[in-house]
Amino acid sequence: EHAGLIVSGEAARYVTEWTRPALVVGWQLGATPTLPEGVEL
């Protein structure tokens, strides 16, 4: 039933508004993005 937010790894650093639950998903990201508390990688 719940809605959520998914962000691709390369886009994560540009997202300014995060809703929860949230997931950043990727492959071979290079540097690990800094994420707000409660956002999963």
Full PDB file with SEQRES, HELIX, SHEET, SSBOND, CRYST1, ORIGX, SCALE, CONECT and MASTER records, all heavy atoms in Angstrom:
SEQRES   1 A   41  GLU HIS ALA GLY LEU ILE VAL SER GLY GLU ALA ALA ARG          
SEQRES   2 A   41  TYR VAL THR GLU TRP THR ARG PRO ALA LEU VAL VAL GLY          
SEQRES   3 A   41  TRP GLN LEU GLY ALA THR PRO THR LEU PRO GLU GLY VAL          
SEQRES   4 A   41  GLU LEU                                                      
HELIX    1 AA1 ALA A   12  TYR A   14  5                                   3    
SHEET    1 AA1 3 LEU A   5  SER A   8  0                                        
SHEET    2 AA1 3 ALA A  22  VAL A  25  1                                        
SHEET    3 AA1 3 VAL A  39  GLU A  40  1                                        
CRYST1    1.000    1.000    1.000  90.00  90.00  90.00 P 1           1          
ORIGX1      1.000000  0.000000  0.000000        0.00000                         
ORIGX2      0.000000  1.000000  0.000000        0.00000                         
ORIGX3      0.000000  0.000000  1.000000        0.00000                         
SCALE1      1.000000  0.000000  0.000000        0.00000                         
SCALE2      0.000000  1.000000  0.000000        0.00000                         
SCALE3      0.000000  0.000000  1.000000        0.00000                         
ATOM      1  N   GLU A   1       0.777  -1.241   0.000  1.00  0.00           N  
ATOM      2  CA  GLU A   1       0.000   0.000   0.000  1.00  0.00           C  
ATOM      3  C   GLU A   1       0.809   1.291   0.000  1.00  0.00           C  
ATOM      4  O   GLU A   1       0.321   2.328  -0.414  1.00  0.00           O  
ATOM      5  CB  GLU A   1      -0.965   0.010   1.180  1.00  0.00           C  
ATOM      6  CG  GLU A   1      -0.286  -0.009   2.532  1.00  0.00           C  
ATOM      7  CD  GLU A   1      -1.282   0.008   3.675  1.00  0.00           C  
ATOM      8  OE1 GLU A   1      -1.655   1.115   4.108  1.00  0.00           O  
ATOM      9  OE2 GLU A   1      -1.675  -1.072   4.109  1.00  0.00           O  
ATOM     10  N   HIS A   2       2.038   1.282   0.482  1.00  0.00           N  
ATOM     11  CA  HIS A   2       2.768   2.542   0.668  1.00  0.00           C  
ATOM     12  C   HIS A   2       3.456   3.015  -0.616  1.00  0.00           C  
ATOM     13  O   HIS A   2       3.940   2.225  -1.398  1.00  0.00           O  
ATOM     14  CB  HIS A   2       3.830   2.381   1.757  1.00  0.00           C  
ATOM     15  CG  HIS A   2       3.251   1.980   3.074  1.00  0.00           C  
ATOM     16  ND1 HIS A   2       2.411   2.790   3.801  1.00  0.00           N  
ATOM     17  CD2 HIS A   2       3.380   0.838   3.784  1.00  0.00           C  
ATOM     18  CE1 HIS A   2       2.050   2.176   4.902  1.00  0.00           C  
ATOM     19  NE2 HIS A   2       2.621   0.976   4.920  1.00  0.00           N  
ATOM     20  N   ALA A   3       3.500   4.329  -0.771  1.00  0.00           N  
ATOM     21  CA  ALA A   3       4.265   4.947  -1.852  1.00  0.00           C  
ATOM     22  C   ALA A   3       5.711   5.102  -1.382  1.00  0.00           C  
ATOM     23  O   ALA A   3       5.998   4.994  -0.189  1.00  0.00           O  
ATOM     24  CB  ALA A   3       3.666   6.305  -2.204  1.00  0.00           C  
ATOM     25  N   GLY A   4       6.602   5.352  -2.312  1.00  0.00           N  
ATOM     26  CA  GLY A   4       8.004   5.549  -1.955  1.00  0.00           C  
ATOM     27  C   GLY A   4       8.728   6.339  -3.026  1.00  0.00           C  
ATOM     28  O   GLY A   4       8.151   6.704  -4.054  1.00  0.00           O  
ATOM     29  N   LEU A   5       9.996   6.576  -2.780  1.00  0.00           N  
ATOM     30  CA  LEU A   5      10.850   7.315  -3.703  1.00  0.00           C  
ATOM     31  C   LEU A   5      12.067   6.467  -4.011  1.00  0.00           C  
ATOM     32  O   LEU A   5      12.721   5.952  -3.098  1.00  0.00           O  
ATOM     33  CB  LEU A   5      11.300   8.642  -3.077  1.00  0.00           C  
ATOM     34  CG  LEU A   5      12.295   9.479  -3.879  1.00  0.00           C  
ATOM     35  CD1 LEU A   5      11.662   9.986  -5.176  1.00  0.00           C  
ATOM     36  CD2 LEU A   5      12.809  10.645  -3.042  1.00  0.00           C  
ATOM     37  N   ILE A   6      12.381   6.319  -5.288  1.00  0.00           N  
ATOM     38  CA  ILE A   6      13.587   5.623  -5.730  1.00  0.00           C  
ATOM     39  C   ILE A   6      14.380   6.615  -6.565  1.00  0.00           C  
ATOM     40  O   ILE A   6      13.823   7.315  -7.412  1.00  0.00           O  
ATOM     41  CB  ILE A   6      13.252   4.368  -6.548  1.00  0.00           C  
ATOM     42  CG1 ILE A   6      12.350   3.429  -5.744  1.00  0.00           C  
ATOM     43  CG2 ILE A   6      14.525   3.650  -6.973  1.00  0.00           C  
ATOM     44  CD1 ILE A   6      11.797   2.256  -6.533  1.00  0.00           C  
ATOM     45  N   VAL A   7      15.678   6.671  -6.314  1.00  0.00           N  
ATOM     46  CA  VAL A   7      16.549   7.601  -7.031  1.00  0.00           C  
ATOM     47  C   VAL A   7      17.733   6.812  -7.572  1.00  0.00           C  
ATOM     48  O   VAL A   7      18.323   5.998  -6.850  1.00  0.00           O  
ATOM     49  CB  VAL A   7      17.043   8.733  -6.091  1.00  0.00           C  
ATOM     50  CG1 VAL A   7      17.975   9.678  -6.823  1.00  0.00           C  
ATOM     51  CG2 VAL A   7      15.864   9.492  -5.506  1.00  0.00           C  
ATOM     52  N   SER A   8      18.083   7.043  -8.822  1.00  0.00           N  
ATOM     53  CA  SER A   8      19.265   6.383  -9.374  1.00  0.00           C  
ATOM     54  C   SER A   8      20.517   6.986  -8.745  1.00  0.00           C  
ATOM     55  O   SER A   8      20.531   8.168  -8.366  1.00  0.00           O  
ATOM     56  CB  SER A   8      19.299   6.518 -10.898  1.00  0.00           C  
ATOM     57  OG  SER A   8      19.409   7.864 -11.274  1.00  0.00           O  
ATOM     58  N   GLY A   9      21.536   6.169  -8.608  1.00  0.00           N  
ATOM     59  CA  GLY A   9      22.768   6.603  -7.940  1.00  0.00           C  
ATOM     60  C   GLY A   9      23.381   7.857  -8.516  1.00  0.00           C  
ATOM     61  O   GLY A   9      23.830   8.743  -7.776  1.00  0.00           O  
ATOM     62  N   GLU A  10      23.369   7.978  -9.834  1.00  0.00           N  
ATOM     63  CA  GLU A  10      23.998   9.149 -10.456  1.00  0.00           C  
ATOM     64  C   GLU A  10      23.176  10.418 -10.257  1.00  0.00           C  
ATOM     65  O   GLU A  10      23.689  11.516 -10.401  1.00  0.00           O  
ATOM     66  CB  GLU A  10      24.263   8.908 -11.950  1.00  0.00           C  
ATOM     67  CG  GLU A  10      23.031   8.832 -12.824  1.00  0.00           C  
ATOM     68  CD  GLU A  10      22.310   7.486 -12.800  1.00  0.00           C  
ATOM     69  OE1 GLU A  10      22.859   6.501 -12.279  1.00  0.00           O  
ATOM     70  OE2 GLU A  10      21.174   7.440 -13.293  1.00  0.00           O  
ATOM     71  N   ALA A  11      21.907  10.285  -9.912  1.00  0.00           N  
ATOM     72  CA  ALA A  11      21.051  11.454  -9.711  1.00  0.00           C  
ATOM     73  C   ALA A  11      20.956  11.874  -8.248  1.00  0.00           C  
ATOM     74  O   ALA A  11      20.515  12.986  -7.949  1.00  0.00           O  
ATOM     75  CB  ALA A  11      19.654  11.173 -10.253  1.00  0.00           C  
ATOM     76  N   ALA A  12      21.393  11.021  -7.321  1.00  0.00           N  
ATOM     77  CA  ALA A  12      21.163  11.243  -5.883  1.00  0.00           C  
ATOM     78  C   ALA A  12      21.707  12.582  -5.385  1.00  0.00           C  
ATOM     79  O   ALA A  12      21.058  13.258  -4.595  1.00  0.00           O  
ATOM     80  CB  ALA A  12      21.764  10.098  -5.079  1.00  0.00           C  
ATOM     81  N   ARG A  13      22.877  12.977  -5.851  1.00  0.00           N  
ATOM     82  CA  ARG A  13      23.469  14.215  -5.321  1.00  0.00           C  
ATOM     83  C   ARG A  13      22.720  15.479  -5.747  1.00  0.00           C  
ATOM     84  O   ARG A  13      22.925  16.550  -5.194  1.00  0.00           O  
ATOM     85  CB  ARG A  13      24.943  14.311  -5.690  1.00  0.00           C  
ATOM     86  CG  ARG A  13      25.192  14.463  -7.163  1.00  0.00           C  
ATOM     87  CD  ARG A  13      26.671  14.483  -7.450  1.00  0.00           C  
ATOM     88  NE  ARG A  13      26.898  14.617  -8.873  1.00  0.00           N  
ATOM     89  CZ  ARG A  13      28.016  14.980  -9.395  1.00  0.00           C  
ATOM     90  NH1 ARG A  13      29.035  15.259  -8.618  1.00  0.00           N  
ATOM     91  NH2 ARG A  13      28.145  15.071 -10.689  1.00  0.00           N  
ATOM     92  N   TYR A  14      21.834  15.347  -6.723  1.00  0.00           N  
ATOM     93  CA  TYR A  14      21.089  16.504  -7.205  1.00  0.00           C  
ATOM     94  C   TYR A  14      19.688  16.622  -6.597  1.00  0.00           C  
ATOM     95  O   TYR A  14      19.009  17.626  -6.807  1.00  0.00           O  
ATOM     96  CB  TYR A  14      20.957  16.442  -8.731  1.00  0.00           C  
ATOM     97  CG  TYR A  14      22.290  16.424  -9.425  1.00  0.00           C  
ATOM     98  CD1 TYR A  14      22.785  15.250  -9.975  1.00  0.00           C  
ATOM     99  CD2 TYR A  14      23.075  17.574  -9.504  1.00  0.00           C  
ATOM    100  CE1 TYR A  14      24.017  15.217 -10.602  1.00  0.00           C  
ATOM    101  CE2 TYR A  14      24.309  17.554 -10.132  1.00  0.00           C  
ATOM    102  CZ  TYR A  14      24.778  16.359 -10.679  1.00  0.00           C  
ATOM    103  OH  TYR A  14      26.002  16.332 -11.295  1.00  0.00           O  
ATOM    104  N   VAL A  15      19.258  15.580  -5.879  1.00  0.00           N  
ATOM    105  CA  VAL A  15      17.911  15.592  -5.303  1.00  0.00           C  
ATOM    106  C   VAL A  15      17.918  16.439  -4.036  1.00  0.00           C  
ATOM    107  O   VAL A  15      18.765  16.251  -3.161  1.00  0.00           O  
ATOM    108  CB  VAL A  15      17.424  14.156  -5.005  1.00  0.00           C  
ATOM    109  CG1 VAL A  15      16.078  14.164  -4.305  1.00  0.00           C  
ATOM    110  CG2 VAL A  15      17.354  13.346  -6.299  1.00  0.00           C  
ATOM    111  N   THR A  16      16.979  17.361  -3.938  1.00  0.00           N  
ATOM    112  CA  THR A  16      16.927  18.252  -2.777  1.00  0.00           C  
ATOM    113  C   THR A  16      15.752  17.942  -1.856  1.00  0.00           C  
ATOM    114  O   THR A  16      15.780  18.304  -0.689  1.00  0.00           O  
ATOM    115  CB  THR A  16      16.846  19.728  -3.221  1.00  0.00           C  
ATOM    116  OG1 THR A  16      15.704  19.891  -4.062  1.00  0.00           O  
ATOM    117  CG2 THR A  16      18.109  20.124  -3.966  1.00  0.00           C  
ATOM    118  N   GLU A  17      14.714  17.303  -2.374  1.00  0.00           N  
ATOM    119  CA  GLU A  17      13.550  16.965  -1.552  1.00  0.00           C  
ATOM    120  C   GLU A  17      13.387  15.453  -1.509  1.00  0.00           C  
ATOM    121  O   GLU A  17      13.164  14.822  -2.539  1.00  0.00           O  
ATOM    122  CB  GLU A  17      12.293  17.614  -2.119  1.00  0.00           C  
ATOM    123  CG  GLU A  17      12.312  19.132  -2.010  1.00  0.00           C  
ATOM    124  CD  GLU A  17      11.001  19.735  -2.485  1.00  0.00           C  
ATOM    125  OE1 GLU A  17       9.945  19.121  -2.253  1.00  0.00           O  
ATOM    126  OE2 GLU A  17      11.062  20.818  -3.085  1.00  0.00           O  
ATOM    127  N   TRP A  18      13.502  14.902  -0.304  1.00  0.00           N  
ATOM    128  CA  TRP A  18      13.406  13.453  -0.108  1.00  0.00           C  
ATOM    129  C   TRP A  18      12.149  13.118   0.686  1.00  0.00           C  
ATOM    130  O   TRP A  18      11.887  13.733   1.703  1.00  0.00           O  
ATOM    131  CB  TRP A  18      14.624  12.949   0.665  1.00  0.00           C  
ATOM    132  CG  TRP A  18      15.904  13.088  -0.085  1.00  0.00           C  
ATOM    133  CD1 TRP A  18      16.714  14.181  -0.121  1.00  0.00           C  
ATOM    134  CD2 TRP A  18      16.513  12.108  -0.919  1.00  0.00           C  
ATOM    135  NE1 TRP A  18      17.803  13.942  -0.927  1.00  0.00           N  
ATOM    136  CE2 TRP A  18      17.703  12.666  -1.426  1.00  0.00           C  
ATOM    137  CE3 TRP A  18      16.174  10.800  -1.287  1.00  0.00           C  
ATOM    138  CZ2 TRP A  18      18.564  11.973  -2.269  1.00  0.00           C  
ATOM    139  CZ3 TRP A  18      17.036  10.114  -2.129  1.00  0.00           C  
ATOM    140  CH2 TRP A  18      18.208  10.701  -2.616  1.00  0.00           C  
ATOM    141  N   THR A  19      11.380  12.178   0.200  1.00  0.00           N  
ATOM    142  CA  THR A  19      10.274  11.622   0.972  1.00  0.00           C  
ATOM    143  C   THR A  19      10.708  10.234   1.437  1.00  0.00           C  
ATOM    144  O   THR A  19      11.626   9.646   0.893  1.00  0.00           O  
ATOM    145  CB  THR A  19       8.989  11.518   0.127  1.00  0.00           C  
ATOM    146  OG1 THR A  19       9.257  10.705  -1.020  1.00  0.00           O  
ATOM    147  CG2 THR A  19       8.512  12.894  -0.315  1.00  0.00           C  
ATOM    148  N   ARG A  20      10.074   9.727   2.469  1.00  0.00           N  
ATOM    149  CA  ARG A  20      10.425   8.406   2.993  1.00  0.00           C  
ATOM    150  C   ARG A  20       9.248   7.462   2.814  1.00  0.00           C  
ATOM    151  O   ARG A  20       8.119   7.914   2.885  1.00  0.00           O  
ATOM    152  CB  ARG A  20      10.801   8.469   4.476  1.00  0.00           C  
ATOM    153  CG  ARG A  20      11.849   9.491   4.874  1.00  0.00           C  
ATOM    154  CD  ARG A  20      13.211   9.182   4.309  1.00  0.00           C  
ATOM    155  NE  ARG A  20      14.272  10.043   4.815  1.00  0.00           N  
ATOM    156  CZ  ARG A  20      14.476  11.305   4.523  1.00  0.00           C  
ATOM    157  NH1 ARG A  20      13.665  11.934   3.742  1.00  0.00           N  
ATOM    158  NH2 ARG A  20      15.506  11.970   5.001  1.00  0.00           N  
ATOM    159  N   PRO A  21       9.500   6.202   2.631  1.00  0.00           N  
ATOM    160  CA  PRO A  21      10.795   5.564   2.490  1.00  0.00           C  
ATOM    161  C   PRO A  21      11.416   5.917   1.147  1.00  0.00           C  
ATOM    162  O   PRO A  21      10.728   6.182   0.176  1.00  0.00           O  
ATOM    163  CB  PRO A  21      10.481   4.076   2.591  1.00  0.00           C  
ATOM    164  CG  PRO A  21       9.068   3.945   2.158  1.00  0.00           C  
ATOM    165  CD  PRO A  21       8.398   5.232   2.537  1.00  0.00           C  
ATOM    166  N   ALA A  22      12.743   5.909   1.145  1.00  0.00           N  
ATOM    167  CA  ALA A  22      13.483   6.257  -0.067  1.00  0.00           C  
ATOM    168  C   ALA A  22      14.655   5.313  -0.257  1.00  0.00           C  
ATOM    169  O   ALA A  22      15.257   4.845   0.709  1.00  0.00           O  
ATOM    170  CB  ALA A  22      13.973   7.703   0.006  1.00  0.00           C  
ATOM    171  N   LEU A  23      14.965   5.059  -1.527  1.00  0.00           N  
ATOM    172  CA  LEU A  23      16.054   4.165  -1.905  1.00  0.00           C  
ATOM    173  C   LEU A  23      16.878   4.815  -3.003  1.00  0.00           C  
ATOM    174  O   LEU A  23      16.327   5.356  -3.963  1.00  0.00           O  
ATOM    175  CB  LEU A  23      15.476   2.839  -2.436  1.00  0.00           C  
ATOM    176  CG  LEU A  23      16.472   1.849  -3.034  1.00  0.00           C  
ATOM    177  CD1 LEU A  23      17.358   1.253  -1.941  1.00  0.00           C  
ATOM    178  CD2 LEU A  23      15.744   0.750  -3.806  1.00  0.00           C  
ATOM    179  N   VAL A  24      18.197   4.740  -2.854  1.00  0.00           N  
ATOM    180  CA  VAL A  24      19.109   5.103  -3.931  1.00  0.00           C  
ATOM    181  C   VAL A  24      19.674   3.789  -4.447  1.00  0.00           C  
ATOM    182  O   VAL A  24      20.186   2.980  -3.674  1.00  0.00           O  
ATOM    183  CB  VAL A  24      20.241   6.036  -3.449  1.00  0.00           C  
ATOM    184  CG1 VAL A  24      21.269   6.254  -4.551  1.00  0.00           C  
ATOM    185  CG2 VAL A  24      19.652   7.364  -2.994  1.00  0.00           C  
ATOM    186  N   VAL A  25      19.547   3.561  -5.741  1.00  0.00           N  
ATOM    187  CA  VAL A  25      19.925   2.281  -6.327  1.00  0.00           C  
ATOM    188  C   VAL A  25      20.929   2.510  -7.451  1.00  0.00           C  
ATOM    189  O   VAL A  25      20.843   3.483  -8.186  1.00  0.00           O  
ATOM    190  CB  VAL A  25      18.661   1.539  -6.836  1.00  0.00           C  
ATOM    191  CG1 VAL A  25      17.972   2.290  -7.938  1.00  0.00           C  
ATOM    192  CG2 VAL A  25      18.985   0.133  -7.269  1.00  0.00           C  
ATOM    193  N   GLY A  26      21.919   1.600  -7.552  1.00  0.00           N  
ATOM    194  CA  GLY A  26      22.906   1.770  -8.606  1.00  0.00           C  
ATOM    195  C   GLY A  26      23.849   0.602  -8.753  1.00  0.00           C  
ATOM    196  O   GLY A  26      23.726  -0.422  -8.074  1.00  0.00           O  
ATOM    197  N   TRP A  27      24.818   0.782  -9.636  1.00  0.00           N  
ATOM    198  CA  TRP A  27      25.847  -0.201  -9.918  1.00  0.00           C  
ATOM    199  C   TRP A  27      27.121   0.571 -10.257  1.00  0.00           C  
ATOM    200  O   TRP A  27      27.074   1.515 -11.052  1.00  0.00           O  
ATOM    201  CB  TRP A  27      25.442  -1.084 -11.096  1.00  0.00           C  
ATOM    202  CG  TRP A  27      26.444  -2.113 -11.501  1.00  0.00           C  
ATOM    203  CD1 TRP A  27      26.944  -3.121 -10.729  1.00  0.00           C  
ATOM    204  CD2 TRP A  27      27.053  -2.257 -12.785  1.00  0.00           C  
ATOM    205  NE1 TRP A  27      27.826  -3.881 -11.453  1.00  0.00           N  
ATOM    206  CE2 TRP A  27      27.919  -3.374 -12.725  1.00  0.00           C  
ATOM    207  CE3 TRP A  27      26.967  -1.551 -13.986  1.00  0.00           C  
ATOM    208  CZ2 TRP A  27      28.684  -3.805 -13.802  1.00  0.00           C  
ATOM    209  CZ3 TRP A  27      27.726  -1.983 -15.061  1.00  0.00           C  
ATOM    210  CH2 TRP A  27      28.565  -3.096 -14.965  1.00  0.00           C  
ATOM    211  N   GLN A  28      28.200   0.198  -9.634  1.00  0.00           N  
ATOM    212  CA  GLN A  28      29.494   0.857  -9.859  1.00  0.00           C  
ATOM    213  C   GLN A  28      29.368   2.376  -9.770  1.00  0.00           C  
ATOM    214  O   GLN A  28      29.627   3.107 -10.724  1.00  0.00           O  
ATOM    215  CB  GLN A  28      30.075   0.448 -11.207  1.00  0.00           C  
ATOM    216  CG  GLN A  28      30.397  -1.027 -11.288  1.00  0.00           C  
ATOM    217  CD  GLN A  28      31.062  -1.400 -12.599  1.00  0.00           C  
ATOM    218  OE1 GLN A  28      30.960  -0.707 -13.601  1.00  0.00           O  
ATOM    219  NE2 GLN A  28      31.766  -2.517 -12.581  1.00  0.00           N  
ATOM    220  N   LEU A  29      28.984   2.845  -8.600  1.00  0.00           N  
ATOM    221  CA  LEU A  29      28.732   4.273  -8.419  1.00  0.00           C  
ATOM    222  C   LEU A  29      29.995   5.114  -8.316  1.00  0.00           C  
ATOM    223  O   LEU A  29      29.935   6.319  -8.435  1.00  0.00           O  
ATOM    224  CB  LEU A  29      27.886   4.499  -7.161  1.00  0.00           C  
ATOM    225  CG  LEU A  29      26.473   3.951  -7.189  1.00  0.00           C  
ATOM    226  CD1 LEU A  29      25.776   4.238  -5.875  1.00  0.00           C  
ATOM    227  CD2 LEU A  29      25.694   4.533  -8.346  1.00  0.00           C  
ATOM    228  N   GLY A  30      31.123   4.497  -8.071  1.00  0.00           N  
ATOM    229  CA  GLY A  30      32.328   5.280  -7.820  1.00  0.00           C  
ATOM    230  C   GLY A  30      32.286   5.760  -6.384  1.00  0.00           C  
ATOM    231  O   GLY A  30      32.379   4.980  -5.455  1.00  0.00           O  
ATOM    232  N   ALA A  31      32.065   7.037  -6.179  1.00  0.00           N  
ATOM    233  CA  ALA A  31      31.959   7.585  -4.827  1.00  0.00           C  
ATOM    234  C   ALA A  31      30.566   7.311  -4.261  1.00  0.00           C  
ATOM    235  O   ALA A  31      29.573   7.400  -4.965  1.00  0.00           O  
ATOM    236  CB  ALA A  31      32.225   9.086  -4.857  1.00  0.00           C  
ATOM    237  N   THR A  32      30.525   6.978  -2.985  1.00  0.00           N  
ATOM    238  CA  THR A  32      29.248   6.764  -2.314  1.00  0.00           C  
ATOM    239  C   THR A  32      28.592   8.116  -2.057  1.00  0.00           C  
ATOM    240  O   THR A  32      29.204   8.990  -1.448  1.00  0.00           O  
ATOM    241  CB  THR A  32      29.451   6.023  -0.978  1.00  0.00           C  
ATOM    242  OG1 THR A  32      30.116   4.786  -1.246  1.00  0.00           O  
ATOM    243  CG2 THR A  32      28.129   5.749  -0.288  1.00  0.00           C  
ATOM    244  N   PRO A  33      27.346   8.288  -2.532  1.00  0.00           N  
ATOM    245  CA  PRO A  33      26.692   9.589  -2.314  1.00  0.00           C  
ATOM    246  C   PRO A  33      26.368   9.806  -0.834  1.00  0.00           C  
ATOM    247  O   PRO A  33      26.099   8.865  -0.103  1.00  0.00           O  
ATOM    248  CB  PRO A  33      25.421   9.482  -3.146  1.00  0.00           C  
ATOM    249  CG  PRO A  33      25.177   8.028  -3.337  1.00  0.00           C  
ATOM    250  CD  PRO A  33      26.507   7.350  -3.254  1.00  0.00           C  
ATOM    251  N   THR A  34      26.432  11.062  -0.405  1.00  0.00           N  
ATOM    252  CA  THR A  34      26.009  11.418   0.948  1.00  0.00           C  
ATOM    253  C   THR A  34      24.491  11.527   0.920  1.00  0.00           C  
ATOM    254  O   THR A  34      23.935  12.282   0.130  1.00  0.00           O  
ATOM    255  CB  THR A  34      26.633  12.760   1.371  1.00  0.00           C  
ATOM    256  OG1 THR A  34      28.050  12.646   1.284  1.00  0.00           O  
ATOM    257  CG2 THR A  34      26.229  13.126   2.782  1.00  0.00           C  
ATOM    258  N   LEU A  35      23.841  10.751   1.796  1.00  0.00           N  
ATOM    259  CA  LEU A  35      22.381  10.689   1.781  1.00  0.00           C  
ATOM    260  C   LEU A  35      21.796  11.173   3.086  1.00  0.00           C  
ATOM    261  O   LEU A  35      22.404  11.009   4.144  1.00  0.00           O  
ATOM    262  CB  LEU A  35      21.929   9.244   1.533  1.00  0.00           C  
ATOM    263  CG  LEU A  35      22.435   8.601   0.237  1.00  0.00           C  
ATOM    264  CD1 LEU A  35      22.033   7.144   0.184  1.00  0.00           C  
ATOM    265  CD2 LEU A  35      21.904   9.357  -0.965  1.00  0.00           C  
ATOM    266  N   PRO A  36      20.601  11.738   3.034  1.00  0.00           N  
ATOM    267  CA  PRO A  36      19.918  12.137   4.265  1.00  0.00           C  
ATOM    268  C   PRO A  36      19.626  10.910   5.136  1.00  0.00           C  
ATOM    269  O   PRO A  36      19.541   9.787   4.640  1.00  0.00           O  
ATOM    270  CB  PRO A  36      18.620  12.774   3.776  1.00  0.00           C  
ATOM    271  CG  PRO A  36      18.819  13.052   2.332  1.00  0.00           C  
ATOM    272  CD  PRO A  36      19.824  12.075   1.843  1.00  0.00           C  
ATOM    273  N   GLU A  37      19.442  11.150   6.411  1.00  0.00           N  
ATOM    274  CA  GLU A  37      19.120  10.069   7.337  1.00  0.00           C  
ATOM    275  C   GLU A  37      17.841   9.368   6.895  1.00  0.00           C  
ATOM    276  O   GLU A  37      16.878   9.998   6.469  1.00  0.00           O  
ATOM    277  CB  GLU A  37      18.937  10.632   8.747  1.00  0.00           C  
ATOM    278  CG  GLU A  37      18.766   9.552   9.784  1.00  0.00           C  
ATOM    279  CD  GLU A  37      18.736  10.128  11.186  1.00  0.00           C  
ATOM    280  OE1 GLU A  37      19.406  11.150  11.433  1.00  0.00           O  
ATOM    281  OE2 GLU A  37      18.030   9.548  12.012  1.00  0.00           O  
ATOM    282  N   GLY A  38      17.862   8.041   6.963  1.00  0.00           N  
ATOM    283  CA  GLY A  38      16.695   7.246   6.622  1.00  0.00           C  
ATOM    284  C   GLY A  38      16.581   6.879   5.156  1.00  0.00           C  
ATOM    285  O   GLY A  38      15.678   6.151   4.777  1.00  0.00           O  
ATOM    286  N   VAL A  39      17.492   7.367   4.320  1.00  0.00           N  
ATOM    287  CA  VAL A  39      17.491   7.004   2.906  1.00  0.00           C  
ATOM    288  C   VAL A  39      18.448   5.836   2.732  1.00  0.00           C  
ATOM    289  O   VAL A  39      19.610   5.909   3.136  1.00  0.00           O  
ATOM    290  CB  VAL A  39      17.918   8.188   2.010  1.00  0.00           C  
ATOM    291  CG1 VAL A  39      18.035   7.752   0.555  1.00  0.00           C  
ATOM    292  CG2 VAL A  39      16.932   9.335   2.153  1.00  0.00           C  
ATOM    293  N   GLU A  40      17.966   4.740   2.158  1.00  0.00           N  
ATOM    294  CA  GLU A  40      18.783   3.546   1.981  1.00  0.00           C  
ATOM    295  C   GLU A  40      19.568   3.601   0.675  1.00  0.00           C  
ATOM    296  O   GLU A  40      19.107   4.173  -0.313  1.00  0.00           O  
ATOM    297  CB  GLU A  40      17.903   2.295   1.973  1.00  0.00           C  
ATOM    298  CG  GLU A  40      17.321   1.971   3.320  1.00  0.00           C  
ATOM    299  CD  GLU A  40      16.554   0.655   3.304  1.00  0.00           C  
ATOM    300  OE1 GLU A  40      16.979  -0.303   2.636  1.00  0.00           O  
ATOM    301  OE2 GLU A  40      15.513   0.620   3.977  1.00  0.00           O  
ATOM    302  N   LEU A  41      20.726   2.964   0.691  1.00  0.00           N  
ATOM    303  CA  LEU A  41      21.561   2.823  -0.497  1.00  0.00           C  
ATOM    304  C   LEU A  41      21.662   1.341  -0.820  1.00  0.00           C  
ATOM    305  O   LEU A  41      21.992   0.533   0.055  1.00  0.00           O  
ATOM    306  CB  LEU A  41      22.956   3.402  -0.248  1.00  0.00           C  
ATOM    307  CG  LEU A  41      23.980   3.217  -1.364  1.00  0.00           C  
ATOM    308  CD1 LEU A  41      23.562   3.974  -2.622  1.00  0.00           C  
ATOM    309  CD2 LEU A  41      25.357   3.669  -0.897  1.00  0.00           C  
TER     310      LEU A  41                                                      
MASTER        0    0    0    1    3    0    0    6  309    1    0    4          
END                                                                             
